[in-house]
Amino acid sequence: MNKALAGTVAVAGIGTTRSGRLPEYDAYDLGAWALKETLDDCGLGFDDIDDIDGLIINRIPDLLQPNG
């Protein structure tokens, strides 16, 4: 156990969007969609965003996306 982290709190959540071609969404829409899914997954809401210390966003490279 890392004693420096004792007594701290970590909440993890995962959010994704559908895969494939989504021309009706821009990058901002997709990011907001995934963020909402992530917050829902860990029981938080947009009002809690001021308390988030870290956020990792990753996108699937075009080569890995299905040809849809």
N, C-alpha and C. Protein backbone atom coordinates (compact mmCIF):
# COMPACT_ATOMS: atom_id res chain seq x y z
N MET A 1 0.84 -1.18 0.00
CA MET A 1 0.00 0.00 0.00
C MET A 1 0.88 1.24 0.00
N ASN A 2 0.53 2.21 -0.80
CA ASN A 2 1.23 3.48 -0.85
C ASN A 2 0.67 4.38 0.26
N LYS A 3 1.43 4.60 1.31
CA LYS A 3 0.94 5.38 2.45
C LYS A 3 0.65 6.82 2.09
N ALA A 4 1.31 7.33 1.06
CA ALA A 4 1.06 8.71 0.63
C ALA A 4 -0.36 8.86 0.07
N LEU A 5 -0.95 7.77 -0.40
CA LEU A 5 -2.29 7.83 -0.96
C LEU A 5 -3.37 7.42 0.03
N ALA A 6 -2.96 7.00 1.24
CA ALA A 6 -3.93 6.59 2.25
C ALA A 6 -4.89 7.72 2.57
N GLY A 7 -6.18 7.41 2.59
CA GLY A 7 -7.19 8.41 2.92
C GLY A 7 -7.65 9.25 1.74
N THR A 8 -7.12 8.98 0.56
CA THR A 8 -7.55 9.72 -0.62
C THR A 8 -8.68 8.95 -1.31
N VAL A 9 -9.33 9.59 -2.22
CA VAL A 9 -10.46 9.00 -2.91
C VAL A 9 -10.18 8.96 -4.40
N ALA A 10 -10.54 7.86 -5.04
CA ALA A 10 -10.45 7.75 -6.49
C ALA A 10 -11.76 7.16 -6.99
N VAL A 11 -12.34 7.78 -7.98
CA VAL A 11 -13.55 7.27 -8.63
C VAL A 11 -13.22 7.12 -10.10
N ALA A 12 -13.45 5.96 -10.65
CA ALA A 12 -13.14 5.73 -12.06
C ALA A 12 -14.41 5.43 -12.83
N GLY A 13 -14.47 5.94 -14.03
CA GLY A 13 -15.60 5.67 -14.90
C GLY A 13 -15.14 5.56 -16.33
N ILE A 14 -15.93 4.88 -17.13
CA ILE A 14 -15.61 4.70 -18.54
C ILE A 14 -16.81 5.12 -19.37
N GLY A 15 -16.56 5.87 -20.42
CA GLY A 15 -17.63 6.27 -21.33
C GLY A 15 -17.16 6.16 -22.76
N THR A 16 -18.04 5.69 -23.62
CA THR A 16 -17.70 5.55 -25.03
C THR A 16 -18.85 6.02 -25.90
N THR A 17 -18.57 6.22 -27.14
CA THR A 17 -19.60 6.52 -28.13
C THR A 17 -19.71 5.32 -29.06
N ARG A 18 -20.68 5.34 -29.92
CA ARG A 18 -20.76 4.29 -30.93
C ARG A 18 -19.52 4.36 -31.82
N SER A 19 -19.20 3.26 -32.45
CA SER A 19 -18.08 3.22 -33.39
C SER A 19 -18.60 3.36 -34.81
N GLY A 20 -17.71 3.71 -35.69
CA GLY A 20 -18.08 3.82 -37.10
C GLY A 20 -18.21 5.27 -37.52
N ARG A 21 -18.78 5.48 -38.66
CA ARG A 21 -18.96 6.83 -39.19
C ARG A 21 -20.16 7.48 -38.52
N LEU A 22 -19.94 8.65 -37.96
CA LEU A 22 -20.99 9.40 -37.27
C LEU A 22 -20.98 10.84 -37.78
N PRO A 23 -21.34 11.06 -39.03
CA PRO A 23 -21.22 12.39 -39.61
C PRO A 23 -22.11 13.43 -38.95
N GLU A 24 -23.12 13.00 -38.22
CA GLU A 24 -24.00 13.96 -37.56
C GLU A 24 -23.41 14.55 -36.28
N TYR A 25 -22.23 14.03 -35.87
CA TYR A 25 -21.56 14.51 -34.66
C TYR A 25 -20.20 15.08 -35.03
N ASP A 26 -19.85 16.21 -34.39
CA ASP A 26 -18.48 16.71 -34.55
C ASP A 26 -17.65 16.24 -33.35
N ALA A 27 -16.38 16.59 -33.32
CA ALA A 27 -15.49 16.13 -32.26
C ALA A 27 -15.97 16.59 -30.88
N TYR A 28 -16.51 17.81 -30.79
CA TYR A 28 -17.01 18.31 -29.52
C TYR A 28 -18.19 17.45 -29.04
N ASP A 29 -19.13 17.15 -29.95
CA ASP A 29 -20.29 16.32 -29.59
C ASP A 29 -19.86 14.95 -29.09
N LEU A 30 -18.91 14.34 -29.79
CA LEU A 30 -18.44 13.01 -29.39
C LEU A 30 -17.76 13.05 -28.02
N GLY A 31 -16.96 14.09 -27.79
CA GLY A 31 -16.31 14.24 -26.49
C GLY A 31 -17.31 14.44 -25.36
N ALA A 32 -18.32 15.28 -25.59
CA ALA A 32 -19.35 15.52 -24.58
C ALA A 32 -20.14 14.25 -24.32
N TRP A 33 -20.43 13.50 -25.38
CA TRP A 33 -21.17 12.23 -25.25
C TRP A 33 -20.37 11.26 -24.37
N ALA A 34 -19.09 11.08 -24.68
CA ALA A 34 -18.26 10.16 -23.91
C ALA A 34 -18.09 10.65 -22.47
N LEU A 35 -17.95 11.95 -22.27
CA LEU A 35 -17.82 12.48 -20.92
C LEU A 35 -19.08 12.22 -20.11
N LYS A 36 -20.26 12.44 -20.70
CA LYS A 36 -21.51 12.17 -19.99
C LYS A 36 -21.62 10.70 -19.62
N GLU A 37 -21.25 9.81 -20.54
CA GLU A 37 -21.27 8.38 -20.26
C GLU A 37 -20.31 8.04 -19.11
N THR A 38 -19.15 8.67 -19.10
CA THR A 38 -18.17 8.44 -18.05
C THR A 38 -18.69 8.91 -16.70
N LEU A 39 -19.25 10.11 -16.66
CA LEU A 39 -19.80 10.62 -15.41
C LEU A 39 -20.93 9.74 -14.90
N ASP A 40 -21.82 9.30 -15.81
CA ASP A 40 -22.90 8.40 -15.42
C ASP A 40 -22.35 7.10 -14.84
N ASP A 41 -21.29 6.58 -15.46
CA ASP A 41 -20.70 5.32 -15.04
C ASP A 41 -20.16 5.38 -13.62
N CYS A 42 -19.62 6.52 -13.23
CA CYS A 42 -19.04 6.62 -11.88
C CYS A 42 -19.94 7.36 -10.90
N GLY A 43 -21.18 7.65 -11.31
CA GLY A 43 -22.14 8.25 -10.39
C GLY A 43 -21.98 9.73 -10.16
N LEU A 44 -21.33 10.42 -11.09
CA LEU A 44 -21.16 11.86 -10.98
C LEU A 44 -21.98 12.56 -12.06
N GLY A 45 -22.07 13.87 -11.96
CA GLY A 45 -22.76 14.66 -12.96
C GLY A 45 -21.92 15.84 -13.39
N PHE A 46 -22.44 16.62 -14.32
CA PHE A 46 -21.69 17.78 -14.81
C PHE A 46 -21.42 18.80 -13.69
N ASP A 47 -22.27 18.83 -12.66
CA ASP A 47 -22.04 19.74 -11.54
C ASP A 47 -20.80 19.36 -10.73
N ASP A 48 -20.33 18.14 -10.89
CA ASP A 48 -19.17 17.66 -10.14
C ASP A 48 -17.85 17.88 -10.89
N ILE A 49 -17.90 18.43 -12.09
CA ILE A 49 -16.70 18.55 -12.91
C ILE A 49 -15.61 19.37 -12.24
N ASP A 50 -15.95 20.36 -11.42
CA ASP A 50 -14.92 21.15 -10.73
C ASP A 50 -14.07 20.30 -9.81
N ASP A 51 -14.58 19.13 -9.42
CA ASP A 51 -13.86 18.27 -8.50
C ASP A 51 -13.02 17.20 -9.21
N ILE A 52 -13.01 17.20 -10.54
CA ILE A 52 -12.24 16.21 -11.28
C ILE A 52 -10.80 16.71 -11.45
N ASP A 53 -9.85 15.89 -11.00
CA ASP A 53 -8.44 16.27 -11.09
C ASP A 53 -7.76 15.71 -12.33
N GLY A 54 -8.34 14.70 -12.95
CA GLY A 54 -7.71 14.09 -14.12
C GLY A 54 -8.75 13.51 -15.06
N LEU A 55 -8.46 13.59 -16.33
CA LEU A 55 -9.36 13.06 -17.35
C LEU A 55 -8.51 12.58 -18.51
N ILE A 56 -8.72 11.35 -18.93
CA ILE A 56 -7.98 10.80 -20.05
C ILE A 56 -8.96 10.57 -21.19
N ILE A 57 -8.63 11.11 -22.33
CA ILE A 57 -9.46 10.94 -23.52
C ILE A 57 -8.60 10.26 -24.58
N ASN A 58 -9.16 9.26 -25.21
CA ASN A 58 -8.44 8.54 -26.25
C ASN A 58 -9.39 8.28 -27.40
N ARG A 59 -8.89 8.37 -28.59
CA ARG A 59 -9.73 8.06 -29.75
C ARG A 59 -9.10 6.93 -30.52
N ILE A 60 -9.94 6.14 -31.14
CA ILE A 60 -9.46 5.03 -31.94
C ILE A 60 -8.92 5.60 -33.24
N PRO A 61 -7.68 5.28 -33.60
CA PRO A 61 -7.15 5.78 -34.87
C PRO A 61 -8.02 5.33 -36.03
N ASP A 62 -8.06 6.14 -37.07
CA ASP A 62 -8.88 5.85 -38.25
C ASP A 62 -8.62 4.45 -38.81
N LEU A 63 -7.41 3.97 -38.69
CA LEU A 63 -7.09 2.65 -39.24
C LEU A 63 -7.81 1.53 -38.51
N LEU A 64 -8.18 1.76 -37.27
CA LEU A 64 -8.84 0.72 -36.48
C LEU A 64 -10.35 0.81 -36.53
N GLN A 65 -10.90 1.88 -37.07
CA GLN A 65 -12.34 2.03 -37.14
C GLN A 65 -12.89 1.18 -38.27
N PRO A 66 -14.08 0.61 -38.03
CA PRO A 66 -14.69 -0.19 -39.10
C PRO A 66 -15.06 0.68 -40.29
N ASN A 67 -15.01 0.11 -41.48
CA ASN A 67 -15.42 0.81 -42.69
C ASN A 67 -16.93 0.77 -42.78
N GLY A 68 -17.58 1.83 -42.31
CA GLY A 68 -19.04 1.80 -42.29
C GLY A 68 -19.57 2.83 -43.09
